[in-house]
Amino acid sequence: MGLEDLDLLLAEWRHYYNWERPHSSLNGLIPIDRITEISDQTPLFEDVSQHYLVKKERFQEQNYKLDLQLRKLKPSL
């Protein structure tokens, strides 16, 4: 099997997984069905980026205990 054959097989598998196979984590729905269910409620990138303010983002440390300590500090101006 060559690389092109493998690419084709993987593409077919991805299609099956996302467009045909029911998922237990989605209560038996197919992922594309779930996407169409919530598409009206899901904001587009443009909407999100217009309302996103970097200054309101809090730095989050990967280490949980350290992050808890950092949360107690006052934010700098």
N, C-alpha and C. Protein backbone atom coordinates (compact mmCIF):
# COMPACT_ATOMS: atom_id res chain seq x y z
N MET A 1 0.85 -1.17 0.00
CA MET A 1 0.00 0.00 0.00
C MET A 1 0.89 1.24 0.00
N GLY A 2 0.61 2.14 -0.91
CA GLY A 2 1.40 3.36 -1.02
C GLY A 2 0.81 4.48 -0.17
N LEU A 3 1.52 5.59 -0.14
CA LEU A 3 1.10 6.75 0.64
C LEU A 3 -0.22 7.33 0.12
N GLU A 4 -0.39 7.35 -1.19
CA GLU A 4 -1.64 7.86 -1.76
C GLU A 4 -2.82 6.99 -1.37
N ASP A 5 -2.61 5.66 -1.37
CA ASP A 5 -3.68 4.74 -0.96
C ASP A 5 -4.05 4.97 0.51
N LEU A 6 -3.03 5.18 1.33
CA LEU A 6 -3.27 5.42 2.75
C LEU A 6 -4.04 6.73 2.96
N ASP A 7 -3.65 7.77 2.23
CA ASP A 7 -4.37 9.05 2.31
C ASP A 7 -5.84 8.88 1.95
N LEU A 8 -6.11 8.11 0.91
CA LEU A 8 -7.49 7.87 0.48
C LEU A 8 -8.26 7.10 1.55
N LEU A 9 -7.65 6.06 2.10
CA LEU A 9 -8.32 5.28 3.16
C LEU A 9 -8.62 6.13 4.39
N LEU A 10 -7.67 6.98 4.77
CA LEU A 10 -7.90 7.85 5.92
C LEU A 10 -9.00 8.87 5.65
N ALA A 11 -9.05 9.39 4.45
CA ALA A 11 -10.11 10.34 4.09
C ALA A 11 -11.47 9.65 4.14
N GLU A 12 -11.54 8.42 3.66
CA GLU A 12 -12.80 7.67 3.71
C GLU A 12 -13.21 7.40 5.15
N TRP A 13 -12.23 7.05 5.99
CA TRP A 13 -12.53 6.78 7.39
C TRP A 13 -13.03 8.05 8.09
N ARG A 14 -12.38 9.19 7.86
CA ARG A 14 -12.82 10.46 8.46
C ARG A 14 -14.24 10.80 8.04
N HIS A 15 -14.54 10.58 6.77
CA HIS A 15 -15.89 10.86 6.29
C HIS A 15 -16.90 9.96 7.01
N TYR A 16 -16.61 8.69 7.09
CA TYR A 16 -17.51 7.76 7.78
C TYR A 16 -17.69 8.17 9.24
N TYR A 17 -16.59 8.49 9.90
CA TYR A 17 -16.61 8.81 11.33
C TYR A 17 -17.44 10.06 11.61
N ASN A 18 -17.34 11.06 10.75
CA ASN A 18 -18.02 12.33 11.01
C ASN A 18 -19.37 12.49 10.33
N TRP A 19 -19.65 11.70 9.29
CA TRP A 19 -20.88 11.89 8.52
C TRP A 19 -21.84 10.71 8.58
N GLU A 20 -21.38 9.54 9.02
CA GLU A 20 -22.25 8.36 8.98
C GLU A 20 -22.36 7.62 10.31
N ARG A 21 -21.35 7.66 11.13
CA ARG A 21 -21.29 6.84 12.34
C ARG A 21 -21.94 7.54 13.53
N PRO A 22 -22.95 6.91 14.16
CA PRO A 22 -23.52 7.49 15.38
C PRO A 22 -22.49 7.46 16.52
N HIS A 23 -22.51 8.50 17.34
CA HIS A 23 -21.57 8.62 18.45
C HIS A 23 -22.33 8.55 19.77
N SER A 24 -21.86 7.70 20.67
CA SER A 24 -22.53 7.58 21.96
C SER A 24 -22.43 8.87 22.77
N SER A 25 -21.34 9.60 22.61
CA SER A 25 -21.19 10.86 23.35
C SER A 25 -22.15 11.94 22.86
N LEU A 26 -22.74 11.72 21.70
CA LEU A 26 -23.73 12.66 21.15
C LEU A 26 -25.13 12.06 21.21
N ASN A 27 -25.32 11.12 22.13
CA ASN A 27 -26.62 10.43 22.30
C ASN A 27 -27.09 9.77 21.01
N GLY A 28 -26.16 9.15 20.30
CA GLY A 28 -26.50 8.41 19.10
C GLY A 28 -26.58 9.24 17.84
N LEU A 29 -26.31 10.53 17.95
CA LEU A 29 -26.34 11.38 16.75
C LEU A 29 -25.05 11.22 15.96
N ILE A 30 -25.16 11.54 14.69
CA ILE A 30 -24.00 11.63 13.82
C ILE A 30 -23.45 13.04 14.00
N PRO A 31 -22.13 13.24 14.06
CA PRO A 31 -21.58 14.57 14.31
C PRO A 31 -22.17 15.67 13.42
N ILE A 32 -22.37 15.40 12.15
CA ILE A 32 -22.91 16.44 11.27
C ILE A 32 -24.33 16.81 11.68
N ASP A 33 -25.09 15.84 12.20
CA ASP A 33 -26.44 16.15 12.68
C ASP A 33 -26.38 17.06 13.90
N ARG A 34 -25.43 16.82 14.78
CA ARG A 34 -25.28 17.67 15.96
C ARG A 34 -24.87 19.08 15.57
N ILE A 35 -23.99 19.18 14.60
CA ILE A 35 -23.54 20.49 14.13
C ILE A 35 -24.72 21.28 13.58
N THR A 36 -25.56 20.63 12.78
CA THR A 36 -26.71 21.35 12.22
C THR A 36 -27.71 21.71 13.30
N GLU A 37 -27.80 20.92 14.37
CA GLU A 37 -28.69 21.24 15.49
C GLU A 37 -28.29 22.54 16.18
N ILE A 38 -27.01 22.75 16.36
CA ILE A 38 -26.55 23.90 17.14
C ILE A 38 -25.98 25.04 16.29
N SER A 39 -26.05 24.92 14.98
CA SER A 39 -25.42 25.94 14.13
C SER A 39 -26.03 27.32 14.31
N ASP A 40 -27.32 27.42 14.58
CA ASP A 40 -27.94 28.72 14.80
C ASP A 40 -27.48 29.37 16.10
N GLN A 41 -27.04 28.56 17.05
CA GLN A 41 -26.60 29.07 18.35
C GLN A 41 -25.09 29.32 18.40
N THR A 42 -24.38 28.87 17.39
CA THR A 42 -22.92 28.96 17.39
C THR A 42 -22.47 30.22 16.66
N PRO A 43 -21.78 31.13 17.37
CA PRO A 43 -21.34 32.36 16.72
C PRO A 43 -20.23 32.09 15.71
N LEU A 44 -20.20 32.89 14.67
CA LEU A 44 -19.15 32.80 13.67
C LEU A 44 -17.90 33.50 14.18
N PHE A 45 -16.79 33.23 13.55
CA PHE A 45 -15.51 33.80 13.96
C PHE A 45 -15.57 35.32 14.01
N GLU A 46 -16.20 35.93 13.02
CA GLU A 46 -16.28 37.39 12.96
C GLU A 46 -16.99 37.95 14.18
N ASP A 47 -18.08 37.31 14.59
CA ASP A 47 -18.83 37.76 15.76
C ASP A 47 -17.99 37.64 17.03
N VAL A 48 -17.32 36.53 17.17
CA VAL A 48 -16.50 36.30 18.36
C VAL A 48 -15.35 37.29 18.40
N SER A 49 -14.65 37.47 17.29
CA SER A 49 -13.48 38.34 17.28
C SER A 49 -13.85 39.80 17.53
N GLN A 50 -15.04 40.23 17.13
CA GLN A 50 -15.47 41.61 17.38
C GLN A 50 -15.69 41.86 18.87
N HIS A 51 -16.10 40.85 19.61
CA HIS A 51 -16.43 41.01 21.02
C HIS A 51 -15.32 40.55 21.96
N TYR A 52 -14.25 40.04 21.41
CA TYR A 52 -13.15 39.53 22.23
C TYR A 52 -12.23 40.67 22.64
N LEU A 53 -11.97 40.78 23.92
CA LEU A 53 -11.07 41.81 24.42
C LEU A 53 -9.90 41.14 25.14
N VAL A 54 -8.72 41.31 24.59
CA VAL A 54 -7.53 40.69 25.15
C VAL A 54 -7.31 41.15 26.59
N LYS A 55 -7.61 42.41 26.86
CA LYS A 55 -7.38 42.96 28.21
C LYS A 55 -8.22 42.25 29.27
N LYS A 56 -9.32 41.64 28.87
CA LYS A 56 -10.16 40.94 29.83
C LYS A 56 -9.75 39.48 30.04
N GLU A 57 -8.83 39.01 29.23
CA GLU A 57 -8.35 37.63 29.37
C GLU A 57 -7.44 37.53 30.57
N ARG A 58 -7.61 36.52 31.34
CA ARG A 58 -6.75 36.28 32.49
C ARG A 58 -5.69 35.25 32.10
N PHE A 59 -4.46 35.55 32.47
CA PHE A 59 -3.39 34.59 32.25
C PHE A 59 -3.68 33.36 33.10
N GLN A 60 -3.57 32.19 32.52
CA GLN A 60 -3.81 30.96 33.27
C GLN A 60 -2.55 30.11 33.25
N GLU A 61 -2.03 29.89 34.44
CA GLU A 61 -0.83 29.07 34.60
C GLU A 61 -1.21 27.60 34.46
N GLN A 62 -0.35 26.83 33.82
CA GLN A 62 -0.63 25.42 33.60
C GLN A 62 -0.65 24.63 34.92
N ASN A 63 0.19 25.03 35.86
CA ASN A 63 0.22 24.38 37.17
C ASN A 63 -0.96 24.88 37.99
N TYR A 64 -1.86 23.99 38.35
CA TYR A 64 -3.12 24.37 39.01
C TYR A 64 -2.90 25.09 40.33
N LYS A 65 -2.02 24.57 41.17
CA LYS A 65 -1.78 25.20 42.48
C LYS A 65 -1.20 26.60 42.32
N LEU A 66 -0.28 26.76 41.41
CA LEU A 66 0.29 28.08 41.15
C LEU A 66 -0.78 29.01 40.58
N ASP A 67 -1.61 28.49 39.71
CA ASP A 67 -2.68 29.30 39.12
C ASP A 67 -3.63 29.81 40.20
N LEU A 68 -3.95 28.98 41.18
CA LEU A 68 -4.82 29.42 42.28
C LEU A 68 -4.18 30.58 43.04
N GLN A 69 -2.88 30.52 43.24
CA GLN A 69 -2.18 31.61 43.93
C GLN A 69 -2.17 32.88 43.08
N LEU A 70 -1.96 32.72 41.79
CA LEU A 70 -1.93 33.89 40.90
C LEU A 70 -3.29 34.57 40.82
N ARG A 71 -4.36 33.82 40.92
CA ARG A 71 -5.70 34.40 40.87
C ARG A 71 -5.93 35.40 42.01
N LYS A 72 -5.27 35.17 43.12
CA LYS A 72 -5.45 36.04 44.29
C LYS A 72 -4.76 37.39 44.13
N LEU A 73 -3.80 37.48 43.21
CA LEU A 73 -3.08 38.73 42.99
C LEU A 73 -3.95 39.72 42.25
N LYS A 74 -3.74 41.01 42.52
CA LYS A 74 -4.48 42.04 41.80
C LYS A 74 -3.88 42.16 40.40
N PRO A 75 -4.73 42.31 39.40
CA PRO A 75 -4.20 42.48 38.04
C PRO A 75 -3.47 43.81 37.91
N SER A 76 -2.41 43.82 37.15
CA SER A 76 -1.68 45.07 36.91
C SER A 76 -2.42 45.90 35.88
N LEU A 77 -2.14 47.19 35.91
CA LEU A 77 -2.84 48.10 34.98
C LEU A 77 -2.33 47.98 33.61
